[in-house]
PDB file of N, CA and C in Angstrom:
ATOM      1  N   MET A   1       0.481  -1.364  -0.152  1.00  0.00           N
ATOM      2  CA  MET A   1      -0.122  -0.047   0.275  1.00  0.00           C
ATOM      3  C   MET A   1       1.050   0.807   0.571  1.00  0.00           C
ATOM      4  N   SER A   2       0.486   2.034  -0.861  1.00  0.00           N
ATOM      5  CA  SER A   2       1.520   3.586  -0.936  1.00  0.00           C
ATOM      6  C   SER A   2       0.208   4.732  -0.559  1.00  0.00           C
ATOM      7  N   LYS A   3       0.558   5.842  -0.536  1.00  0.00           N
ATOM      8  CA  LYS A   3      -0.040   7.108  -0.043  1.00  0.00           C
ATOM      9  C   LYS A   3       0.493   7.919  -1.153  1.00  0.00           C
ATOM     10  N   LEU A   4      -0.481   8.670  -1.700  1.00  0.00           N
ATOM     11  CA  LEU A   4      -0.796   9.387  -2.906  1.00  0.00           C
ATOM     12  C   LEU A   4       0.215  10.171  -2.888  1.00  0.00           C
ATOM     13  N   TYR A   5       1.196  10.750  -2.165  1.00  0.00           N
ATOM     14  CA  TYR A   5       1.760  11.566  -2.540  1.00  0.00           C
ATOM     15  C   TYR A   5       2.976  10.941  -2.729  1.00  0.00           C
ATOM     16  N   GLU A   6       3.128   9.567  -2.314  1.00  0.00           N
ATOM     17  CA  GLU A   6       3.946   8.749  -3.091  1.00  0.00           C
ATOM     18  C   GLU A   6       4.320   8.355  -4.183  1.00  0.00           C
ATOM     19  N   LEU A   7       3.283   8.484  -5.101  1.00  0.00           N
ATOM     20  CA  LEU A   7       3.114   8.251  -6.379  1.00  0.00           C
ATOM     21  C   LEU A   7       2.661   9.352  -7.384  1.00  0.00           C
ATOM     22  N   ALA A   8       2.233  10.391  -6.906  1.00  0.00           N
ATOM     23  CA  ALA A   8       2.049  11.510  -8.175  1.00  0.00           C
ATOM     24  C   ALA A   8       3.058  12.081  -8.094  1.00  0.00           C
ATOM     25  N   LYS A   9       3.708  12.661  -9.034  1.00  0.00           N
ATOM     26  CA  LYS A   9       4.384  13.643  -9.809  1.00  0.00           C
ATOM     27  C   LYS A   9       3.986  15.330  -9.192  1.00  0.00           C
ATOM     28  N   ILE A  10       3.117  15.156  -9.110  1.00  0.00           N
ATOM     29  CA  ILE A  10       2.673  16.794  -8.952  1.00  0.00           C
ATOM     30  C   ILE A  10       1.275  16.583  -8.272  1.00  0.00           C
ATOM     31  N   LEU A  11       1.172  17.191  -6.994  1.00  0.00           N
ATOM     32  CA  LEU A  11      -0.217  17.346  -6.050  1.00  0.00           C
ATOM     33  C   LEU A  11      -0.094  19.109  -5.696  1.00  0.00           C
ATOM     34  N   ARG A  12      -1.331  19.585  -6.458  1.00  0.00           N
ATOM     35  CA  ARG A  12      -1.617  20.780  -6.022  1.00  0.00           C
ATOM     36  C   ARG A  12      -3.026  21.276  -5.851  1.00  0.00           C
ATOM     37  N   SER A  13      -3.381  22.871  -5.257  1.00  0.00           N
ATOM     38  CA  SER A  13      -4.546  23.320  -5.084  1.00  0.00           C
ATOM     39  C   SER A  13      -4.169  24.503  -5.814  1.00  0.00           C
ATOM     40  N   LYS A  14      -5.472  24.944  -5.874  1.00  0.00           N
ATOM     41  CA  LYS A  14      -5.789  26.372  -6.501  1.00  0.00           C
ATOM     42  C   LYS A  14      -6.797  27.433  -6.141  1.00  0.00           C
ATOM     43  N   ASN A  15      -7.044  28.056  -6.404  1.00  0.00           N
ATOM     44  CA  ASN A  15      -8.703  28.555  -6.761  1.00  0.00           C
ATOM     45  C   ASN A  15      -8.850  28.305  -7.691  1.00  0.00           C
ATOM     46  N   SER A  16     -10.154  28.096  -7.752  1.00  0.00           N
ATOM     47  CA  SER A  16     -11.130  28.141  -9.416  1.00  0.00           C
ATOM     48  C   SER A  16     -12.457  29.283  -9.147  1.00  0.00           C
ATOM     49  N   GLY A  17     -11.818  30.518  -9.196  1.00  0.00           N
ATOM     50  CA  GLY A  17     -12.525  31.091  -8.746  1.00  0.00           C
ATOM     51  C   GLY A  17     -13.093  31.814  -7.291  1.00  0.00           C
ATOM     52  N   PRO A  18     -13.461  32.161  -6.778  1.00  0.00           N
ATOM     53  CA  PRO A  18     -13.567  33.155  -5.061  1.00  0.00           C
ATOM     54  C   PRO A  18     -14.379  31.938  -4.351  1.00  0.00           C
ATOM     55  N   TYR A  19     -15.151  30.850  -4.951  1.00  0.00           N
ATOM     56  CA  TYR A  19     -15.916  30.182  -3.936  1.00  0.00           C
ATOM     57  C   TYR A  19     -15.474  28.780  -4.484  1.00  0.00           C
ATOM     58  N   GLU A  20     -14.671  28.505  -4.872  1.00  0.00           N
ATOM     59  CA  GLU A  20     -14.231  27.071  -5.370  1.00  0.00           C
ATOM     60  C   GLU A  20     -12.512  26.939  -5.356  1.00  0.00           C
ATOM     61  N   VAL A  21     -12.288  25.830  -5.235  1.00  0.00           N
ATOM     62  CA  VAL A  21     -10.550  25.248  -5.123  1.00  0.00           C
ATOM     63  C   VAL A  21     -10.749  23.866  -5.622  1.00  0.00           C
ATOM     64  N   THR A  22      -9.684  23.841  -6.958  1.00  0.00           N
ATOM     65  CA  THR A  22      -9.271  22.933  -7.436  1.00  0.00           C
ATOM     66  C   THR A  22      -8.003  22.639  -7.351  1.00  0.00           C
ATOM     67  N   MET A  23      -8.369  21.198  -7.248  1.00  0.00           N
ATOM     68  CA  MET A  23      -6.873  20.291  -7.082  1.00  0.00           C
ATOM     69  C   MET A  23      -6.632  19.333  -8.029  1.00  0.00           C
ATOM     70  N   ASP A  24      -5.382  19.259  -8.508  1.00  0.00           N
ATOM     71  CA  ASP A  24      -4.975  18.452  -9.610  1.00  0.00           C
ATOM     72  C   ASP A  24      -4.046  17.598  -8.577  1.00  0.00           C
ATOM     73  N   VAL A  25      -3.806  16.033  -9.289  1.00  0.00           N
ATOM     74  CA  VAL A  25      -3.422  15.397  -9.516  1.00  0.00           C
ATOM     75  C   VAL A  25      -2.511  14.453 -10.176  1.00  0.00           C
ATOM     76  N   LEU A  26      -1.063  14.889 -10.802  1.00  0.00           N
ATOM     77  CA  LEU A  26      -0.507  14.580 -11.938  1.00  0.00           C
ATOM     78  C   LEU A  26       0.419  13.302 -12.144  1.00  0.00           C
ATOM     79  N   PHE A  27       0.545  12.335 -12.917  1.00  0.00           N
ATOM     80  CA  PHE A  27       1.319  11.019 -12.307  1.00  0.00           C
ATOM     81  C   PHE A  27       2.253  11.491 -14.117  1.00  0.00           C
ATOM     82  N   ASP A  28       3.601  10.742 -13.953  1.00  0.00           N
ATOM     83  CA  ASP A  28       4.369  10.823 -14.865  1.00  0.00           C
ATOM     84  C   ASP A  28       4.373   9.970 -15.419  1.00  0.00           C
ATOM     85  N   ASN A  29       3.959   8.817 -15.069  1.00  0.00           N
ATOM     86  CA  ASN A  29       3.716   7.376 -16.052  1.00  0.00           C
ATOM     87  C   ASN A  29       2.341   6.874 -15.928  1.00  0.00           C
ATOM     88  N   LYS A  30       1.910   6.000 -17.127  1.00  0.00           N
ATOM     89  CA  LYS A  30       0.489   5.693 -17.290  1.00  0.00           C
ATOM     90  C   LYS A  30      -0.149   4.624 -16.391  1.00  0.00           C
ATOM     91  N   GLU A  31       1.035   3.649 -15.709  1.00  0.00           N
ATOM     92  CA  GLU A  31       1.196   2.364 -14.822  1.00  0.00           C
ATOM     93  C   GLU A  31       0.414   3.305 -13.492  1.00  0.00           C
ATOM     94  N   THR A  32       0.940   4.110 -13.337  1.00  0.00           N
ATOM     95  CA  THR A  32       1.047   4.490 -11.938  1.00  0.00           C
ATOM     96  C   THR A  32      -0.453   5.077 -11.389  1.00  0.00           C
ATOM     97  N   TYR A  33      -1.078   5.858 -13.041  1.00  0.00           N
ATOM     98  CA  TYR A  33      -2.126   6.901 -12.544  1.00  0.00           C
ATOM     99  C   TYR A  33      -3.303   5.522 -12.943  1.00  0.00           C
ATOM    100  N   GLU A  34      -2.757   4.544 -13.577  1.00  0.00           N
ATOM    101  CA  GLU A  34      -4.084   3.500 -14.005  1.00  0.00           C
ATOM    102  C   GLU A  34      -4.347   2.810 -12.319  1.00  0.00           C
ATOM    103  N   ARG A  35      -3.012   2.632 -11.852  1.00  0.00           N
ATOM    104  CA  ARG A  35      -2.639   1.759 -10.570  1.00  0.00           C
ATOM    105  C   ARG A  35      -3.811   2.665  -9.252  1.00  0.00           C
ATOM    106  N   VAL A  36      -3.886   4.096  -9.635  1.00  0.00           N
ATOM    107  CA  VAL A  36      -4.410   5.010  -8.722  1.00  0.00           C
ATOM    108  C   VAL A  36      -6.080   5.145  -9.333  1.00  0.00           C
ATOM    109  N   LYS A  37      -6.276   5.093 -10.475  1.00  0.00           N
ATOM    110  CA  LYS A  37      -7.437   5.391 -11.112  1.00  0.00           C
ATOM    111  C   LYS A  37      -8.609   3.670 -10.473  1.00  0.00           C
ATOM    112  N   LYS A  38      -7.718   2.584 -10.787  1.00  0.00           N
ATOM    113  CA  LYS A  38      -8.250   1.294 -10.422  1.00  0.00           C
ATOM    114  C   LYS A  38      -8.840   1.690  -8.898  1.00  0.00           C
ATOM    115  N   SER A  39      -7.712   1.760  -8.341  1.00  0.00           N
ATOM    116  CA  SER A  39      -7.825   1.425  -6.717  1.00  0.00           C
ATOM    117  C   SER A  39      -9.005   2.046  -6.395  1.00  0.00           C
ATOM    118  N   GLN A  40     -10.114   3.146  -6.888  1.00  0.00           N
ATOM    119  CA  GLN A  40     -11.324   3.856  -6.624  1.00  0.00           C
ATOM    120  C   GLN A  40     -10.693   3.974  -5.118  1.00  0.00           C
ATOM    121  N   ALA A  41     -10.015   4.907  -4.700  1.00  0.00           N
ATOM    122  CA  ALA A  41      -9.636   5.690  -3.178  1.00  0.00           C
ATOM    123  C   ALA A  41     -10.291   6.876  -3.355  1.00  0.00           C
ATOM    124  N   ILE A  42      -9.934   7.991  -4.786  1.00  0.00           N
ATOM    125  CA  ILE A  42     -10.867   8.524  -4.921  1.00  0.00           C
ATOM    126  C   ILE A  42     -11.860   8.835  -5.562  1.00  0.00           C
ATOM    127  N   THR A  43     -12.889   9.102  -4.436  1.00  0.00           N
ATOM    128  CA  THR A  43     -14.426   8.873  -5.328  1.00  0.00           C
ATOM    129  C   THR A  43     -14.839  10.509  -4.610  1.00  0.00           C
ATOM    130  N   LYS A  44     -15.920  10.673  -4.754  1.00  0.00           N
ATOM    131  CA  LYS A  44     -16.514  12.139  -4.432  1.00  0.00           C
ATOM    132  C   LYS A  44     -16.837  11.842  -2.825  1.00  0.00           C
ATOM    133  N   GLU A  45     -17.216  10.619  -2.847  1.00  0.00           N
ATOM    134  CA  GLU A  45     -17.455  10.153  -1.028  1.00  0.00           C
ATOM    135  C   GLU A  45     -16.132  10.704  -0.402  1.00  0.00           C
ATOM    136  N   ASN A  46     -15.274   9.717  -1.089  1.00  0.00           N
ATOM    137  CA  ASN A  46     -13.823   9.938  -0.086  1.00  0.00           C
ATOM    138  C   ASN A  46     -13.647  11.364   0.192  1.00  0.00           C
ATOM    139  N   ILE A  47     -13.228  11.987  -1.025  1.00  0.00           N
ATOM    140  CA  ILE A  47     -13.152  13.484  -0.628  1.00  0.00           C
ATOM    141  C   ILE A  47     -14.068  14.505   0.437  1.00  0.00           C
ATOM    142  N   ALA A  48     -15.143  14.106   0.151  1.00  0.00           N
ATOM    143  CA  ALA A  48     -15.628  14.665   1.050  1.00  0.00           C
ATOM    144  C   ALA A  48     -15.450  14.594   2.209  1.00  0.00           C
ATOM    145  N   ARG A  49     -15.756  13.315   2.736  1.00  0.00           N
ATOM    146  CA  ARG A  49     -15.365  12.646   4.081  1.00  0.00           C
ATOM    147  C   ARG A  49     -13.964  13.301   4.471  1.00  0.00           C
ATOM    148  N   ILE A  50     -12.820  13.521   3.518  1.00  0.00           N
ATOM    149  CA  ILE A  50     -11.519  13.748   4.176  1.00  0.00           C
ATOM    150  C   ILE A  50     -11.875  15.234   4.743  1.00  0.00           C
ATOM    151  N   TYR A  51     -11.971  15.961   3.674  1.00  0.00           N
ATOM    152  CA  TYR A  51     -12.791  17.682   3.972  1.00  0.00           C
ATOM    153  C   TYR A  51     -13.677  17.858   4.925  1.00  0.00           C
ATOM    154  N   ASN A  52     -13.945  17.266   5.366  1.00  0.00           N
ATOM    155  CA  ASN A  52     -15.285  17.039   6.089  1.00  0.00           C
ATOM    156  C   ASN A  52     -16.507  18.180   5.519  1.00  0.00           C
ATOM    157  N   LEU A  53     -16.756  17.874   4.106  1.00  0.00           N
ATOM    158  CA  LEU A  53     -17.830  18.506   3.039  1.00  0.00           C
ATOM    159  C   LEU A  53     -18.993  17.622   2.954  1.00  0.00           C
ATOM    160  N   LYS A  54     -20.224  18.196   2.413  1.00  0.00           N
ATOM    161  CA  LYS A  54     -20.870  16.978   1.680  1.00  0.00           C
ATOM    162  C   LYS A  54     -20.846  16.717   0.657  1.00  0.00           C
ATOM    163  N   ASP A  55     -21.236  15.375   0.078  1.00  0.00           N
ATOM    164  CA  ASP A  55     -20.927  15.080  -1.185  1.00  0.00           C
ATOM    165  C   ASP A  55     -21.113  15.759  -2.921  1.00  0.00           C
ATOM    166  N   THR A  56     -21.993  16.883  -2.236  1.00  0.00           N
ATOM    167  CA  THR A  56     -22.838  17.841  -3.206  1.00  0.00           C
ATOM    168  C   THR A  56     -21.558  19.254  -2.803  1.00  0.00           C
ATOM    169  N   ASP A  57     -20.975  19.229  -2.590  1.00  0.00           N
ATOM    170  CA  ASP A  57     -19.766  20.086  -2.117  1.00  0.00           C
ATOM    171  C   ASP A  57     -18.809  20.029  -3.174  1.00  0.00           C
ATOM    172  N   ILE A  58     -18.523  18.725  -3.508  1.00  0.00           N
ATOM    173  CA  ILE A  58     -17.109  18.188  -4.626  1.00  0.00           C
ATOM    174  C   ILE A  58     -17.845  18.460  -5.875  1.00  0.00           C
ATOM    175  N   HIS A  59     -17.732  19.468  -6.736  1.00  0.00           N
ATOM    176  CA  HIS A  59     -18.570  20.190  -8.127  1.00  0.00           C
ATOM    177  C   HIS A  59     -18.090  19.197  -9.062  1.00  0.00           C
ATOM    178  N   HIS A  60     -16.580  18.636  -8.902  1.00  0.00           N
ATOM    179  CA  HIS A  60     -15.936  18.141 -10.263  1.00  0.00           C
ATOM    180  C   HIS A  60     -15.496  17.050 -10.031  1.00  0.00           C
ATOM    181  N   LEU A  61     -14.754  15.729 -10.149  1.00  0.00           N
ATOM    182  CA  LEU A  61     -13.897  15.033  -9.632  1.00  0.00           C
ATOM    183  C   LEU A  61     -14.134  14.332 -11.208  1.00  0.00           C
ATOM    184  N   VAL A  62     -12.346  14.707 -11.799  1.00  0.00           N
ATOM    185  CA  VAL A  62     -12.724  13.950 -13.110  1.00  0.00           C
ATOM    186  C   VAL A  62     -10.919  13.238 -13.739  1.00  0.00           C
ATOM    187  N   PHE A  63     -11.248  12.012 -14.159  1.00  0.00           N
ATOM    188  CA  PHE A  63      -9.594  11.768 -14.910  1.00  0.00           C
ATOM    189  C   PHE A  63      -9.834  11.888 -15.900  1.00  0.00           C
ATOM    190  N   PHE A  64      -8.718  12.823 -16.208  1.00  0.00           N
ATOM    191  CA  PHE A  64      -8.146  13.345 -17.853  1.00  0.00           C
ATOM    192  C   PHE A  64      -7.152  12.060 -17.868  1.00  0.00           C
ATOM    193  N   ASP A  65      -7.343  10.924 -18.895  1.00  0.00           N
ATOM    194  CA  ASP A  65      -6.796  10.153 -19.042  1.00  0.00           C
ATOM    195  C   ASP A  65      -5.448  10.851 -20.452  1.00  0.00           C
ATOM    196  N   PRO A  66      -5.889  11.994 -21.075  1.00  0.00           N
ATOM    197  CA  PRO A  66      -5.014  11.912 -21.883  1.00  0.00           C
ATOM    198  C   PRO A  66      -4.052  12.795 -20.808  1.00  0.00           C
ATOM    199  N   ALA A  67      -3.929  13.690 -19.925  1.00  0.00           N
ATOM    200  CA  ALA A  67      -2.812  14.190 -19.014  1.00  0.00           C
ATOM    201  C   ALA A  67      -2.270  13.338 -17.844  1.00  0.00           C
ATOM    202  N   LEU A  68      -2.788  12.491 -17.451  1.00  0.00           N
ATOM    203  CA  LEU A  68      -2.412  11.240 -16.814  1.00  0.00           C
ATOM    204  C   LEU A  68      -2.733  11.871 -15.767  1.00  0.00           C
ATOM    205  N   GLY A  69      -4.028  12.605 -15.450  1.00  0.00           N
ATOM    206  CA  GLY A  69      -4.297  13.040 -14.359  1.00  0.00           C
ATOM    207  C   GLY A  69      -5.843  13.171 -13.748  1.00  0.00           C
ATOM    208  N   ILE A  70      -5.858  13.631 -12.257  1.00  0.00           N
ATOM    209  CA  ILE A  70      -7.012  13.900 -11.697  1.00  0.00           C
ATOM    210  C   ILE A  70      -7.435  15.423 -11.415  1.00  0.00           C
ATOM    211  N   LYS A  71      -8.709  16.038 -11.610  1.00  0.00           N
ATOM    212  CA  LYS A  71      -8.871  17.133 -10.818  1.00  0.00           C
ATOM    213  C   LYS A  71     -10.299  17.196 -10.320  1.00  0.00           C
ATOM    214  N   ILE A  72     -10.086  17.712  -9.303  1.00  0.00           N
ATOM    215  CA  ILE A  72     -10.948  17.875  -8.402  1.00  0.00           C
ATOM    216  C   ILE A  72     -11.339  19.190  -8.013  1.00  0.00           C
ATOM    217  N   THR A  73     -12.752  19.572  -8.177  1.00  0.00           N
ATOM    218  CA  THR A  73     -13.189  21.069  -7.914  1.00  0.00           C
ATOM    219  C   THR A  73     -13.989  20.512  -6.773  1.00  0.00           C
ATOM    220  N   MET A  74     -14.074  21.933  -5.567  1.00  0.00           N
ATOM    221  CA  MET A  74     -14.897  21.766  -4.685  1.00  0.00           C
ATOM    222  C   MET A  74     -15.108  23.120  -4.043  1.00  0.00           C
ATOM    223  N   ALA A  75     -16.258  23.304  -3.188  1.00  0.00           N
ATOM    224  CA  ALA A  75     -16.460  24.465  -2.475  1.00  0.00           C
ATOM    225  C   ALA A  75     -15.555  24.726  -1.785  1.00  0.00           C
ATOM    226  N   ARG A  76     -15.356  26.172  -1.352  1.00  0.00           N
ATOM    227  CA  ARG A  76     -14.857  26.607  -0.478  1.00  0.00           C
ATOM    228  C   ARG A  76     -15.772  27.101   0.599  1.00  0.00           C
ATOM    229  N   GLU A  77     -15.461  26.808   1.916  1.00  0.00           N
ATOM    230  CA  GLU A  77     -16.179  27.112   3.215  1.00  0.00           C
ATOM    231  C   GLU A  77     -16.557  28.399   3.265  1.00  0.00           C
ATOM    232  N   VAL A  78     -15.323  29.293   3.098  1.00  0.00           N
ATOM    233  CA  VAL A  78     -15.755  31.089   2.675  1.00  0.00           C
ATOM    234  C   VAL A  78     -14.885  31.133   1.151  1.00  0.00           C
ATOM    235  N   SER A  79     -15.389  32.493   0.989  1.00  0.00           N
ATOM    236  CA  SER A  79     -14.601  32.735  -0.294  1.00  0.00           C
ATOM    237  C   SER A  79     -13.337  33.031   0.134  1.00  0.00           C
ATOM    238  N   SER A  80     -12.669  33.105  -1.023  1.00  0.00           N
ATOM    239  CA  SER A  80     -11.422  33.756  -1.124  1.00  0.00           C
ATOM    240  C   SER A  80     -11.359  35.128  -0.805  1.00  0.00           C
ATOM    241  N   GLY A  81     -10.878  35.030   0.091  1.00  0.00           N
ATOM    242  CA  GLY A  81     -10.046  37.319   0.495  1.00  0.00           C
ATOM    243  C   GLY A  81     -11.247  37.011   1.658  1.00  0.00           C
ATOM    244  N   SER A  82     -12.514  36.423   2.225  1.00  0.00           N
ATOM    245  CA  SER A  82     -13.091  37.013   3.299  1.00  0.00           C
ATOM    246  C   SER A  82     -12.679  37.077   4.759  1.00  0.00           C
ATOM    247  N   ILE A  83     -12.956  37.493   5.100  1.00  0.00           N
ATOM    248  CA  ILE A  83     -12.715  37.062   7.003  1.00  0.00           C
ATOM    249  C   ILE A  83     -13.046  35.746   7.391  1.00  0.00           C
ATOM    250  N   GLY A  84     -12.175  35.581   7.931  1.00  0.00           N
ATOM    251  CA  GLY A  84     -12.008  33.827   8.096  1.00  0.00           C
ATOM    252  C   GLY A  84     -11.264  33.136   6.971  1.00  0.00           C
ATOM    253  N   ASP A  85     -11.218  33.743   5.935  1.00  0.00           N
ATOM    254  CA  ASP A  85     -10.285  32.899   4.970  1.00  0.00           C
ATOM    255  C   ASP A  85      -8.689  32.547   5.457  1.00  0.00           C
ATOM    256  N   ARG A  86      -8.497  31.773   5.907  1.00  0.00           N
ATOM    257  CA  ARG A  86      -6.961  31.377   5.656  1.00  0.00           C
ATOM    258  C   ARG A  86      -5.865  30.818   4.563  1.00  0.00           C
ATOM    259  N   ASP A  87      -6.236  31.089   3.456  1.00  0.00           N
ATOM    260  CA  ASP A  87      -5.902  30.761   2.514  1.00  0.00           C
ATOM    261  C   ASP A  87      -6.537  31.266   1.151  1.00  0.00           C
ATOM    262  N   VAL A  88      -6.034  32.094   0.930  1.00  0.00           N
ATOM    263  CA  VAL A  88      -6.606  33.451   0.430  1.00  0.00           C
ATOM    264  C   VAL A  88      -6.711  32.422  -1.510  1.00  0.00           C
ATOM    265  N   TYR A  89      -5.395  31.987  -1.748  1.00  0.00           N
ATOM    266  CA  TYR A  89      -4.701  31.363  -3.099  1.00  0.00           C
ATOM    267  C   TYR A  89      -5.559  30.068  -3.327  1.00  0.00           C
ATOM    268  N   GLY A  90      -5.891  29.712  -1.828  1.00  0.00           N
ATOM    269  CA  GLY A  90      -6.218  28.286  -2.187  1.00  0.00           C
ATOM    270  C   GLY A  90      -5.305  27.132  -2.406  1.00  0.00           C
ATOM    271  N   ALA A  91      -3.678  27.565  -2.148  1.00  0.00           N
ATOM    272  CA  ALA A  91      -2.274  26.846  -2.368  1.00  0.00           C
ATOM    273  C   ALA A  91      -2.358  25.657  -1.411  1.00  0.00           C
ATOM    274  N   GLN A  92      -3.103  25.592  -0.335  1.00  0.00           N
ATOM    275  CA  GLN A  92      -2.778  24.698   0.563  1.00  0.00           C
ATOM    276  C   GLN A  92      -3.647  23.953   1.210  1.00  0.00           C
ATOM    277  N   GLN A  93      -4.484  23.725   0.105  1.00  0.00           N
ATOM    278  CA  GLN A  93      -5.869  22.768   0.712  1.00  0.00           C
ATOM    279  C   GLN A  93      -5.837  21.324  -0.173  1.00  0.00           C
ATOM    280  N   HIS A  94      -4.390  21.197  -0.377  1.00  0.00           N
ATOM    281  CA  HIS A  94      -4.285  19.725  -1.388  1.00  0.00           C
ATOM    282  C   HIS A  94      -3.915  18.775  -0.192  1.00  0.00           C
ATOM    283  N   ALA A  95      -3.083  19.328   0.903  1.00  0.00           N
ATOM    284  CA  ALA A  95      -2.968  18.545   2.085  1.00  0.00           C
ATOM    285  C   ALA A  95      -3.063  17.525   2.596  1.00  0.00           C
ATOM    286  N   PRO A  96      -4.868  17.735   2.489  1.00  0.00           N
ATOM    287  CA  PRO A  96      -5.291  16.197   3.030  1.00  0.00           C
ATOM    288  C   PRO A  96      -5.586  15.033   2.044  1.00  0.00           C
ATOM    289  N   LEU A  97      -4.978  15.644   0.720  1.00  0.00           N
ATOM    290  CA  LEU A  97      -5.161  14.561  -0.180  1.00  0.00           C
ATOM    291  C   LEU A  97      -3.798  13.282  -0.429  1.00  0.00           C
ATOM    292  N   MET A  98      -2.492  14.735   0.556  1.00  0.00           N
ATOM    293  CA  MET A  98      -1.404  13.366   0.778  1.00  0.00           C
ATOM    294  C   MET A  98      -1.533  12.326   0.899  1.00  0.00           C
ATOM    295  N   HIS A  99      -2.222  11.981   2.347  1.00  0.00           N
ATOM    296  CA  HIS A  99      -2.346  10.486   2.827  1.00  0.00           C
ATOM    297  C   HIS A  99      -3.606   9.737   2.101  1.00  0.00           C
ATOM    298  N   ILE A 100      -3.894   9.515   1.346  1.00  0.00           N
ATOM    299  CA  ILE A 100      -5.054   9.059   0.173  1.00  0.00           C
ATOM    300  C   ILE A 100      -3.703   7.401   0.819  1.00  0.00           C
ATOM    301  N   GLU A 101      -4.684   6.326   1.095  1.00  0.00           N
ATOM    302  CA  GLU A 101      -3.939   5.101   0.235  1.00  0.00           C
ATOM    303  C   GLU A 101      -4.327   4.324  -0.461  1.00  0.00           C
ATOM    304  N   ILE A 102      -3.669   4.329  -1.340  1.00  0.00           N
ATOM    305  CA  ILE A 102      -3.952   3.397  -2.587  1.00  0.00           C
ATOM    306  C   ILE A 102      -3.318   1.915  -2.179  1.00  0.00           C
ATOM    307  N   ASP A 103      -4.194   1.171  -2.597  1.00  0.00           N
ATOM    308  CA  ASP A 103      -3.798  -0.085  -3.062  1.00  0.00           C
ATOM    309  C   ASP A 103      -3.280  -0.904  -4.034  1.00  0.00           C
ATOM    310  N   GLY A 104      -2.701  -1.679  -3.955  1.00  0.00           N
ATOM    311  CA  GLY A 104      -1.754  -2.579  -5.225  1.00  0.00           C
ATOM    312  C   GLY A 104      -0.197  -2.187  -5.212  1.00  0.00           C
ATOM    313  N   GLU A 105       0.555  -2.840  -6.309  1.00  0.00           N
ATOM    314  CA  GLU A 105       1.354  -2.353  -6.248  1.00  0.00           C
ATOM    315  C   GLU A 105       1.648  -2.032  -7.829  1.00  0.00           C
TER     316      GLU A 105
END
């Protein structure tokens, strides 16, 4: 079993407008990407659980085969730059994804 951060080449987050954050998980080879995809460890339900959100707050979860990547877009708790916002750029929101466990070799 491996952690997602051990398998991904790039794991990042950024604003997707003032009300959403987008996270990208990119891989440098097809075998690793397919392993993660087939593991079914990355689902709307799992992402919602990790971030303590409702499933409906996960707006997009896309496995994009040509780029060997996964894009996750979710609602922000507070809009970017508002009072109470602790990450105005959304650049630190990918951290909880790092420790998702991926089965297989």
